[in-house]
Amino acid sequence: MNEKPSPASLVDQVVLPGDVILDLSSMTNQSVKLGGGLYPDCDTIFAMKAGKLRFSKPNKYWVENSQKRYVPCVEDTVLGIVVDIKPDNFLVDIKGPVLAFLPVLAFEGGTRRNIPKFEIGTLLYLRVVKANSGMNPEVSCTDASGKAAEFGPLKEGYSFETSTGLSRMLRSSPTCPVLEVLGKKLSFEIAIGMNGRVWVNASDPGTVILVANAIMNSESLSGVQQRIMVEKLMQKIDCKEEVHRNYIYRARSPIWHAKVFNLQGLPTTKITPFPAASSAVVQIKTDEKGARIQKENMPHSHCSDALWSWGTKLASSGHP
C-alpha cells in the first residue's frame, strides 16, 4: 500500500494538479486554512494548479505560481484602481475576474456624513475581506481591527504591473535581494499588492525609474544575479551624474576668481570676492560654448593684473 506524503515534505516543493496535499482524516482537532490552488474533496485536499506549495503559521497552505490574472483570497493586500462610483460603494479593479466592491463605510470612522471622495483612476491600497466564487469580492481600507493603518489612497508616485509570482517574491521574508540592495543605496517608498501591482514613490524621478526597472528585471534572476544587476544599474547612474553635475568647491581664502582658457572673446566670467578667512561655496561651470573654467586662489593685490593677463575680458564688477 502506498503511503501518502506528509504535508511537511511537500512544502516548498513543486506540486501538480491532482496531487494529494493533505489527508484530513488523519488530522484531529486541527483547523486548516486553504489558499489559492487547493480544493477539498471529502477528507482530502488536492492541488488544482501547478506551482510550489507554501505554508504559513499556524495552518495555512496555498500553491504559489506566476500568472497574469489574480484570484482574490481573503486577507490579501492588493492595489486597486477606482473605475466607477456608486451611491453605496466604489467599483475597484484589482486585476481579478470581476470588479471588487469597496463599501463607502469601509474606512476608519466611516459614516454617511464623511464619505470619502475618490475620482475615477485613484489608486488605493486595500485588504480583501470577502472572496467567494460566483460573486464580486469585497475590499476594505482598514485592517482587521478597523484601523486605517497603511491602507488608503496612494498619491503621486508611479505604478506598474507584474506577475503575481513576482509580487509574492517581493513580499517574501527575509527581504528579497533586489529590494534589500536598493533600500541600502536609495531612499524610496514602495507598496506591493498580491495582485501583481507595484507602486513606487521617491523625491527624485530617476530613483523611481531605477527601482521600477530593477524590480521588473528581477523576476527570472537568482538572488546573486539580482544583486549584480542592481550594482550595475547604480554604476550607470553614478557615471551619468558625474558627467552632468556641477562641481561645488568649498573655499577658505581672501578671493577666488575664475579664468577662461579661450581667447576668442567668449562670454565673460564673473569675479566673486570674499572677505579674508571666510567660507563660501563656489559653483564652477563651463559656458555655453564649452570654454573650460579653472579656479585659482590669488592675493587681492594681484587680482587686477591676473584678470587681464589672459587677454580675455572678464567682468570685474567694480573690483580694483
Protein backbone atom coordinates (compact mmCIF):
# COMPACT_ATOMS: atom_id res chain seq x y z
CA MET A 1 0.00 0.00 0.00
CA ASN A 2 1.43 3.40 -0.99
CA GLU A 3 1.90 5.85 1.84
CA LYS A 4 0.68 9.39 1.34
CA PRO A 5 3.38 12.05 1.63
CA SER A 6 3.23 14.28 4.69
CA PRO A 7 2.38 17.98 4.17
CA ALA A 8 5.74 19.00 5.66
CA SER A 9 7.62 17.06 2.96
CA LEU A 10 5.70 18.85 0.19
CA VAL A 11 6.20 22.42 1.45
CA ASP A 12 8.36 24.47 -0.97
CA GLN A 13 8.19 21.62 -3.47
CA VAL A 14 6.57 21.67 -6.92
CA VAL A 15 3.10 20.14 -6.99
CA LEU A 16 0.88 19.32 -9.97
CA PRO A 17 -2.89 19.31 -10.45
CA GLY A 18 -4.38 16.21 -8.79
CA ASP A 19 -1.58 15.75 -6.23
CA VAL A 20 -2.79 14.89 -2.73
CA ILE A 21 -1.67 17.60 -0.30
CA LEU A 22 -3.50 16.82 2.96
CA ASP A 23 -5.48 13.92 4.41
CA LEU A 24 -7.89 15.49 6.90
CA SER A 25 -8.95 12.12 8.31
CA SER A 26 -5.56 11.81 9.98
CA MET A 27 -5.77 15.30 11.49
CA THR A 28 -7.86 15.60 14.64
CA ASN A 29 -8.84 18.81 16.41
CA GLN A 30 -6.98 20.92 13.84
CA SER A 31 -8.25 23.67 11.59
CA VAL A 32 -6.65 24.20 8.19
CA LYS A 33 -6.91 27.33 6.04
CA LEU A 34 -6.66 26.82 2.29
CA GLY A 35 -5.35 29.44 -0.10
CA GLY A 36 -5.28 29.60 -3.89
CA GLY A 37 -4.54 26.48 -5.91
CA LEU A 38 -6.07 23.97 -3.44
CA TYR A 39 -9.55 22.45 -3.19
CA PRO A 40 -11.14 19.97 -0.75
CA ASP A 41 -12.85 16.73 -1.74
CA CYS A 42 -14.34 14.92 1.26
CA ASP A 43 -11.40 14.44 3.66
CA THR A 44 -8.69 15.04 1.08
CA ILE A 45 -7.09 18.28 -0.14
CA PHE A 46 -5.90 18.28 -3.74
CA ALA A 47 -3.81 20.68 -5.78
CA MET A 48 -5.66 22.17 -8.74
CA LYS A 49 -2.79 24.06 -10.38
CA ALA A 50 0.95 23.66 -10.83
CA GLY A 51 3.34 25.57 -8.61
CA LYS A 52 5.17 25.47 -5.29
CA LEU A 53 3.29 24.51 -2.14
CA ARG A 54 3.66 27.21 0.51
CA PHE A 55 2.86 27.16 4.22
CA SER A 56 2.47 29.87 6.84
CA LYS A 57 1.73 29.51 10.51
CA PRO A 58 -0.45 28.43 12.10
CA ASN A 59 -2.07 26.26 9.42
CA LYS A 60 -2.39 27.96 6.03
CA TYR A 61 -1.47 26.22 2.76
CA TRP A 62 -1.54 27.53 -0.80
CA VAL A 63 0.04 26.89 -4.20
CA GLU A 64 2.22 29.70 -5.47
CA ASN A 65 2.84 30.22 -9.16
CA SER A 66 3.34 33.05 -11.61
CA GLN A 67 0.30 34.19 -13.58
CA LYS A 68 -1.15 37.37 -15.01
CA ARG A 69 -4.66 37.04 -13.61
CA TYR A 70 -5.14 37.43 -9.90
CA VAL A 71 -7.52 35.18 -7.97
CA PRO A 72 -8.70 37.07 -4.86
CA CYS A 73 -8.14 35.47 -1.45
CA VAL A 74 -9.30 36.71 1.95
CA GLU A 75 -6.75 38.86 3.84
CA ASP A 76 -4.71 39.55 0.70
CA THR A 77 -3.46 43.12 0.39
CA VAL A 78 -3.91 44.49 -3.12
CA LEU A 79 -3.60 47.67 -5.16
CA GLY A 80 -6.86 48.64 -6.81
CA ILE A 81 -7.95 51.35 -9.24
CA VAL A 82 -11.32 53.05 -8.87
CA VAL A 83 -13.28 52.57 -12.12
CA ASP A 84 -16.80 53.59 -11.10
CA ILE A 85 -18.63 55.32 -8.25
CA LYS A 86 -21.98 54.17 -6.86
CA PRO A 87 -24.11 55.58 -4.02
CA ASP A 88 -23.14 52.77 -1.62
CA ASN A 89 -19.77 51.58 -2.89
CA PHE A 90 -16.87 52.12 -5.25
CA LEU A 91 -16.14 49.65 -8.03
CA VAL A 92 -12.44 48.79 -7.97
CA ASP A 93 -10.27 46.92 -10.47
CA ILE A 94 -7.96 44.55 -8.59
CA LYS A 95 -6.91 42.52 -11.69
CA GLY A 96 -9.36 39.77 -10.78
CA PRO A 97 -12.01 38.04 -12.91
CA VAL A 98 -14.60 40.64 -11.79
CA LEU A 99 -14.56 44.07 -10.19
CA ALA A 100 -14.40 44.36 -6.40
CA PHE A 101 -16.79 46.29 -4.17
CA LEU A 102 -15.41 48.90 -1.78
CA PRO A 103 -18.24 50.00 0.56
CA VAL A 104 -18.32 53.73 1.31
CA LEU A 105 -18.25 52.84 5.04
CA ALA A 106 -15.20 50.55 4.78
CA PHE A 107 -12.91 53.25 6.16
CA GLU A 108 -11.73 54.12 9.66
CA GLY A 109 -14.55 56.02 11.34
CA GLY A 110 -16.59 55.87 8.16
CA THR A 111 -20.11 57.30 8.34
CA ARG A 112 -22.63 58.66 5.89
CA ARG A 113 -21.52 62.18 6.73
CA ASN A 114 -17.83 61.74 5.88
CA ILE A 115 -17.89 59.54 2.80
CA PRO A 116 -14.51 59.79 1.04
CA LYS A 117 -14.46 61.38 -2.39
CA PHE A 118 -12.35 59.44 -4.87
CA GLU A 119 -12.04 60.26 -8.54
CA ILE A 120 -12.06 57.59 -11.20
CA GLY A 121 -8.48 56.37 -11.63
CA THR A 122 -7.48 56.79 -7.97
CA LEU A 123 -5.01 54.13 -6.82
CA LEU A 124 -5.87 52.52 -3.45
CA TYR A 125 -4.07 50.13 -1.12
CA LEU A 126 -6.73 47.65 0.04
CA ARG A 127 -7.41 44.48 2.02
CA VAL A 128 -9.61 41.69 0.68
CA VAL A 129 -12.34 40.84 3.23
CA LYS A 130 -14.62 38.61 1.14
CA ALA A 131 -13.74 36.36 -1.78
CA ASN A 132 -16.21 33.71 -2.91
CA SER A 133 -16.63 32.13 -6.31
CA GLY A 134 -19.65 33.38 -8.17
CA MET A 135 -19.76 36.81 -6.52
CA ASN A 136 -17.77 40.03 -6.55
CA PRO A 137 -15.04 40.23 -3.92
CA GLU A 138 -15.25 42.88 -1.23
CA VAL A 139 -12.30 45.02 -0.15
CA SER A 140 -11.69 47.47 2.69
CA CYS A 141 -9.40 50.37 3.60
CA THR A 142 -8.96 49.14 7.20
CA ASP A 143 -7.12 46.33 8.92
CA ALA A 144 -8.80 43.57 10.93
CA SER A 145 -9.17 45.89 13.94
CA GLY A 146 -10.87 48.64 11.92
CA LYS A 147 -7.86 50.96 11.82
CA ALA A 148 -6.68 52.65 8.64
CA ALA A 149 -3.05 51.53 9.19
CA GLU A 150 -1.26 51.74 5.82
CA PHE A 151 -4.42 51.37 3.74
CA GLY A 152 -5.93 54.15 1.65
CA PRO A 153 -5.13 56.24 -1.45
CA LEU A 154 -1.59 56.28 -2.85
CA LYS A 155 -0.76 59.75 -4.11
CA GLU A 156 1.85 60.73 -6.69
CA GLY A 157 4.47 58.08 -7.47
CA TYR A 158 4.41 55.56 -10.30
CA SER A 159 2.51 52.24 -10.52
CA PHE A 160 3.18 49.30 -12.82
CA GLU A 161 2.03 45.72 -13.20
CA THR A 162 3.97 42.48 -12.71
CA SER A 163 3.09 38.81 -12.40
CA THR A 164 1.60 37.52 -9.15
CA GLY A 165 4.69 35.35 -8.65
CA LEU A 166 7.00 38.37 -8.69
CA SER A 167 4.80 40.28 -6.25
CA ARG A 168 4.89 37.37 -3.80
CA MET A 169 8.67 37.19 -4.14
CA LEU A 170 8.97 40.91 -3.37
CA ARG A 171 6.84 40.45 -0.24
CA SER A 172 8.74 37.38 0.97
CA SER A 173 10.58 37.20 4.27
CA PRO A 174 13.52 37.65 4.58
CA THR A 175 13.56 40.64 2.22
CA CYS A 176 14.28 39.68 -1.38
CA PRO A 177 17.79 40.67 -2.58
CA VAL A 178 16.68 43.31 -5.12
CA LEU A 179 14.76 45.35 -2.52
CA GLU A 180 17.44 44.79 0.12
CA VAL A 181 20.20 46.25 -2.08
CA LEU A 182 18.03 49.10 -3.37
CA GLY A 183 16.98 50.00 0.17
CA LYS A 184 20.61 50.37 1.28
CA LYS A 185 21.51 52.73 -1.56
CA LEU A 186 18.34 54.71 -2.30
CA SER A 187 15.51 56.37 -0.43
CA PHE A 188 12.04 55.49 -1.74
CA GLU A 189 8.56 54.30 -0.78
CA ILE A 190 7.01 51.13 -2.16
CA ALA A 191 3.66 49.34 -1.91
CA ILE A 192 3.31 45.81 -3.29
CA GLY A 193 -0.03 44.14 -3.90
CA MET A 194 -0.59 40.41 -4.03
CA ASN A 195 -2.44 41.05 -7.30
CA GLY A 196 0.74 42.00 -9.18
CA ARG A 197 0.59 45.79 -8.91
CA VAL A 198 3.50 47.78 -7.51
CA TRP A 199 3.63 51.47 -6.55
CA VAL A 200 6.92 53.36 -6.12
CA ASN A 201 7.47 56.94 -4.97
CA ALA A 202 10.62 59.00 -4.37
CA SER A 203 11.71 62.64 -4.35
CA ASP A 204 13.87 62.05 -7.45
CA PRO A 205 12.15 60.76 -10.64
CA GLY A 206 15.37 59.00 -11.59
CA THR A 207 15.16 56.90 -8.44
CA VAL A 208 11.60 55.85 -9.29
CA ILE A 209 12.66 54.76 -12.79
CA LEU A 210 15.67 52.84 -11.47
CA VAL A 211 13.64 50.98 -8.81
CA ALA A 212 10.88 50.09 -11.28
CA ASN A 213 13.36 48.78 -13.86
CA ALA A 214 15.26 46.77 -11.25
CA ILE A 215 12.06 45.13 -9.99
CA MET A 216 10.77 44.24 -13.46
CA ASN A 217 14.15 42.77 -14.45
CA SER A 218 14.49 40.64 -11.31
CA GLU A 219 11.74 38.06 -11.84
CA SER A 220 13.86 35.45 -13.63
CA LEU A 221 17.10 36.14 -11.72
CA SER A 222 18.60 34.38 -8.73
CA GLY A 223 19.49 36.25 -5.54
CA VAL A 224 23.12 36.73 -6.59
CA GLN A 225 22.13 37.85 -10.08
CA GLN A 226 19.70 40.39 -8.61
CA ARG A 227 22.47 41.96 -6.53
CA ILE A 228 24.80 42.17 -9.53
CA MET A 229 22.05 43.69 -11.68
CA VAL A 230 21.32 46.42 -9.12
CA GLU A 231 25.03 47.22 -8.73
CA LYS A 232 25.36 47.67 -12.50
CA LEU A 233 22.34 49.98 -12.61
CA MET A 234 23.79 52.07 -9.80
CA GLN A 235 27.14 52.35 -11.59
CA LYS A 236 25.44 53.63 -14.75
CA ILE A 237 23.55 56.25 -12.76
CA ASP A 238 26.73 57.35 -10.95
CA CYS A 239 28.58 57.76 -14.28
CA LYS A 240 25.81 59.93 -15.73
CA GLU A 241 25.70 62.12 -12.64
CA GLU A 242 29.50 62.54 -12.80
CA VAL A 243 29.27 63.82 -16.38
CA HIS A 244 26.36 66.23 -15.90
CA ARG A 245 26.66 67.56 -12.39
CA ASN A 246 28.12 70.94 -11.45
CA TYR A 247 31.22 70.87 -9.32
CA ILE A 248 30.96 72.59 -5.98
CA TYR A 249 34.09 73.85 -4.22
CA ARG A 250 34.21 74.94 -0.62
CA ALA A 251 36.93 77.58 -0.20
CA ARG A 252 38.64 79.46 2.57
CA SER A 253 40.71 82.29 1.02
CA PRO A 254 40.78 86.09 0.55
CA ILE A 255 39.49 85.92 -3.04
CA TRP A 256 38.54 83.33 -5.64
CA HIS A 257 38.29 84.04 -9.35
CA ALA A 258 37.82 82.00 -12.50
CA LYS A 259 39.94 82.19 -15.65
CA VAL A 260 38.50 81.22 -19.04
CA PHE A 261 41.02 79.41 -21.25
CA ASN A 262 39.68 80.82 -24.52
CA LEU A 263 40.99 84.00 -26.21
CA GLN A 264 38.20 84.46 -28.78
CA GLY A 265 36.09 86.97 -26.89
CA LEU A 266 33.66 84.43 -25.40
CA PRO A 267 31.16 85.49 -22.72
CA THR A 268 32.86 86.96 -19.67
CA THR A 269 33.15 85.24 -16.32
CA LYS A 270 32.02 86.94 -13.15
CA ILE A 271 34.57 87.50 -10.37
CA THR A 272 33.24 86.90 -6.87
CA PRO A 273 35.32 88.24 -3.95
CA PHE A 274 35.01 87.00 -0.38
CA PRO A 275 36.34 88.52 2.85
CA ALA A 276 39.54 87.11 4.23
CA ALA A 277 39.26 83.89 6.27
CA SER A 278 35.62 83.46 5.19
CA SER A 279 33.96 80.30 3.93
CA ALA A 280 31.96 80.18 0.70
CA VAL A 281 30.65 77.74 -1.86
CA VAL A 282 31.70 78.48 -5.44
CA GLN A 283 29.91 76.79 -8.33
CA ILE A 284 32.14 76.27 -11.36
CA LYS A 285 30.53 75.58 -14.76
CA THR A 286 31.53 75.62 -18.39
CA ASP A 287 29.93 78.33 -20.55
CA GLU A 288 27.54 77.66 -23.45
CA LYS A 289 30.42 77.29 -25.97
CA GLY A 290 32.34 74.81 -23.86
CA ALA A 291 35.12 77.11 -22.62
CA ARG A 292 36.98 75.42 -19.79
CA ILE A 293 36.96 77.27 -16.47
CA GLN A 294 39.62 76.88 -13.77
CA LYS A 295 39.57 78.28 -10.25
CA GLU A 296 42.61 79.96 -8.69
CA ASN A 297 43.37 81.43 -5.30
CA MET A 298 45.24 84.74 -5.64
CA PRO A 299 46.04 87.61 -3.26
CA HIS A 300 43.75 90.62 -3.59
CA SER A 301 46.62 92.94 -4.64
CA HIS A 302 47.44 90.82 -7.69
CA CYS A 303 43.86 90.38 -8.81
CA SER A 304 43.78 93.21 -11.42
CA ASP A 305 46.96 92.04 -13.21
CA ALA A 306 45.74 88.48 -13.34
CA LEU A 307 42.35 89.40 -14.77
CA TRP A 308 43.80 90.90 -17.96
CA SER A 309 46.90 88.75 -18.35
CA TRP A 310 44.94 86.20 -20.39
CA GLY A 311 43.61 88.70 -22.92
CA THR A 312 40.03 87.71 -22.04
CA LYS A 313 37.53 90.32 -20.98
CA LEU A 314 36.32 89.41 -17.51
CA ALA A 315 33.60 91.27 -15.71
CA SER A 316 35.34 92.91 -12.79
CA SER A 317 32.05 94.03 -11.19
CA GLY A 318 33.76 97.16 -9.88
CA HIS A 319 36.67 95.38 -8.20
CA PRO A 320 40.10 97.19 -8.15
